[in-house]
N, C-alpha and C. Protein backbone atom coordinates (compact mmCIF):
# COMPACT_ATOMS: atom_id res chain seq x y z
N MET A 1 -7.80 -20.13 8.15
CA MET A 1 -8.30 -20.05 9.02
C MET A 1 -9.51 -19.06 9.82
N THR A 2 -10.58 -20.07 9.86
CA THR A 2 -12.07 -19.33 10.57
C THR A 2 -11.83 -18.44 11.26
N GLY A 3 -13.25 -17.59 11.87
CA GLY A 3 -13.10 -18.19 12.82
C GLY A 3 -14.65 -17.47 13.53
N PRO A 4 -15.27 -17.36 14.18
CA PRO A 4 -16.17 -16.68 14.51
C PRO A 4 -17.36 -16.67 13.49
N ARG A 5 -19.21 -17.78 13.44
CA ARG A 5 -20.01 -16.93 12.78
C ARG A 5 -21.45 -17.55 12.97
N SER A 6 -21.67 -15.57 12.67
CA SER A 6 -23.29 -16.30 13.40
C SER A 6 -23.98 -17.67 12.30
N PRO A 7 -24.97 -18.72 13.57
CA PRO A 7 -25.28 -20.03 13.15
C PRO A 7 -27.04 -19.48 12.22
N ARG A 8 -27.00 -17.53 11.92
CA ARG A 8 -27.48 -18.23 10.70
C ARG A 8 -27.46 -18.17 9.25
N ARG A 9 -28.24 -18.49 8.37
CA ARG A 9 -28.13 -19.24 6.97
C ARG A 9 -27.79 -18.01 6.04
N GLY A 10 -26.21 -17.30 5.67
CA GLY A 10 -26.00 -17.08 5.16
C GLY A 10 -24.92 -15.72 5.65
N ALA A 11 -24.88 -15.96 6.84
CA ALA A 11 -23.90 -14.95 7.59
C ALA A 11 -22.33 -15.36 6.82
N PRO A 12 -21.72 -14.34 7.15
CA PRO A 12 -20.91 -13.59 6.30
C PRO A 12 -19.24 -15.24 7.75
N TYR A 13 -18.43 -14.84 7.02
CA TYR A 13 -17.39 -16.01 7.79
C TYR A 13 -16.47 -13.93 8.45
N THR A 14 -15.84 -14.94 9.19
CA THR A 14 -14.16 -14.19 10.08
C THR A 14 -13.35 -14.72 10.15
N TYR A 15 -13.06 -14.30 9.17
CA TYR A 15 -11.13 -15.27 9.11
C TYR A 15 -10.12 -14.67 10.13
N VAL A 16 -9.30 -14.94 11.15
CA VAL A 16 -8.37 -14.62 12.06
C VAL A 16 -6.97 -15.65 11.32
N THR A 17 -6.03 -14.94 12.32
CA THR A 17 -4.39 -15.51 11.55
C THR A 17 -4.36 -15.56 13.13
N THR A 18 -2.27 -15.76 12.70
CA THR A 18 -1.39 -16.28 14.28
C THR A 18 -0.19 -16.01 14.11
N GLU A 19 0.47 -15.40 15.33
CA GLU A 19 1.16 -14.55 15.10
C GLU A 19 2.16 -15.48 13.95
N GLN A 20 2.60 -16.45 13.65
CA GLN A 20 3.38 -17.85 12.44
C GLN A 20 2.98 -16.48 11.10
N PHE A 21 1.56 -16.87 11.13
CA PHE A 21 1.67 -16.44 9.32
C PHE A 21 2.67 -14.95 9.46
N LEU A 22 2.09 -13.75 10.61
CA LEU A 22 3.00 -11.81 10.51
C LEU A 22 4.43 -12.51 9.88
N VAL A 23 4.49 -12.84 10.76
CA VAL A 23 6.38 -13.26 10.90
C VAL A 23 6.84 -14.21 9.36
N ALA A 24 5.94 -14.86 9.01
CA ALA A 24 6.35 -15.90 8.09
C ALA A 24 5.73 -14.78 6.68
N PHE A 25 5.64 -13.82 6.94
CA PHE A 25 5.53 -12.90 5.74
C PHE A 25 6.18 -10.76 5.99
N ASP A 26 6.16 -11.13 6.83
CA ASP A 26 7.03 -9.83 7.58
C ASP A 26 6.44 -8.92 7.56
N LEU A 27 5.04 -9.70 8.43
CA LEU A 27 4.41 -8.18 8.21
C LEU A 27 4.39 -7.88 10.41
N GLU A 28 3.78 -6.56 9.98
CA GLU A 28 3.45 -6.29 11.46
C GLU A 28 2.79 -6.43 12.44
N SER A 29 1.28 -6.41 11.64
CA SER A 29 -0.26 -7.20 11.35
C SER A 29 -0.71 -6.95 10.43
N LEU A 30 -2.01 -7.23 10.29
CA LEU A 30 -3.24 -7.58 9.35
C LEU A 30 -3.13 -6.59 7.78
N GLN A 31 -2.71 -5.55 8.69
CA GLN A 31 -2.24 -3.27 8.27
C GLN A 31 -1.97 -3.38 7.13
N ASP A 32 -1.02 -3.71 7.36
CA ASP A 32 -0.06 -4.50 6.07
C ASP A 32 -0.31 -5.34 4.72
N LEU A 33 -1.11 -5.45 4.80
CA LEU A 33 -1.68 -6.64 3.55
C LEU A 33 -1.68 -5.64 2.75
N PRO A 34 -1.90 -6.14 1.30
CA PRO A 34 -2.73 -4.95 0.76
C PRO A 34 -4.18 -4.55 0.81
N ASP A 35 -5.23 -4.10 -0.28
CA ASP A 35 -6.75 -3.88 -0.48
C ASP A 35 -6.65 -4.67 -1.34
N ARG A 36 -8.15 -4.47 -1.96
CA ARG A 36 -8.63 -5.77 -2.43
C ARG A 36 -7.70 -4.76 -3.96
N GLU A 37 -8.14 -3.18 -4.04
CA GLU A 37 -7.20 -2.93 -5.58
C GLU A 37 -5.79 -2.79 -5.59
N GLN A 38 -4.99 -2.78 -4.41
CA GLN A 38 -3.37 -2.99 -4.99
C GLN A 38 -3.89 -4.58 -5.08
N LEU A 39 -4.32 -5.46 -4.97
CA LEU A 39 -3.85 -6.43 -5.62
C LEU A 39 -4.33 -6.78 -7.14
N GLN A 40 -5.34 -5.34 -7.77
CA GLN A 40 -5.64 -5.34 -8.98
C GLN A 40 -4.66 -4.87 -9.23
N ASP A 41 -4.55 -3.97 -8.76
CA ASP A 41 -3.66 -3.25 -10.16
C ASP A 41 -1.92 -4.14 -10.21
N ALA A 42 -1.81 -5.26 -9.30
CA ALA A 42 -1.14 -5.97 -9.19
C ALA A 42 -1.39 -6.62 -10.01
N GLY A 43 -2.00 -7.33 -10.79
CA GLY A 43 -2.64 -8.49 -11.85
C GLY A 43 -3.05 -9.10 -10.51
N LEU A 44 -3.16 -9.86 -9.48
CA LEU A 44 -3.48 -10.69 -9.10
C LEU A 44 -5.16 -10.76 -8.84
N VAL A 45 -5.33 -10.20 -9.21
CA VAL A 45 -7.08 -10.41 -8.57
C VAL A 45 -7.37 -9.46 -9.61
N ARG A 46 -8.41 -10.80 -10.24
CA ARG A 46 -9.55 -9.87 -11.60
C ARG A 46 -10.94 -9.20 -10.40
N THR A 47 -11.75 -8.23 -11.55
CA THR A 47 -12.95 -7.97 -11.45
C THR A 47 -13.93 -9.17 -12.40
N LEU A 48 -15.15 -9.30 -12.02
CA LEU A 48 -16.38 -10.19 -12.51
C LEU A 48 -16.38 -9.65 -13.56
N ALA A 49 -17.05 -8.30 -14.05
CA ALA A 49 -18.39 -8.33 -15.62
C ALA A 49 -19.62 -8.54 -14.99
């Protein structure tokens, strides 16, 4: 789900979540999500060359 975004062109998106998301994935908070490096190490994210 997207959150607030500045009305100017090219502004980045922000994303929000719900308590239900945290419960479904057994997370205490969003801080428990893996970072990009961990996802790359697990082979779940590719780097663009």
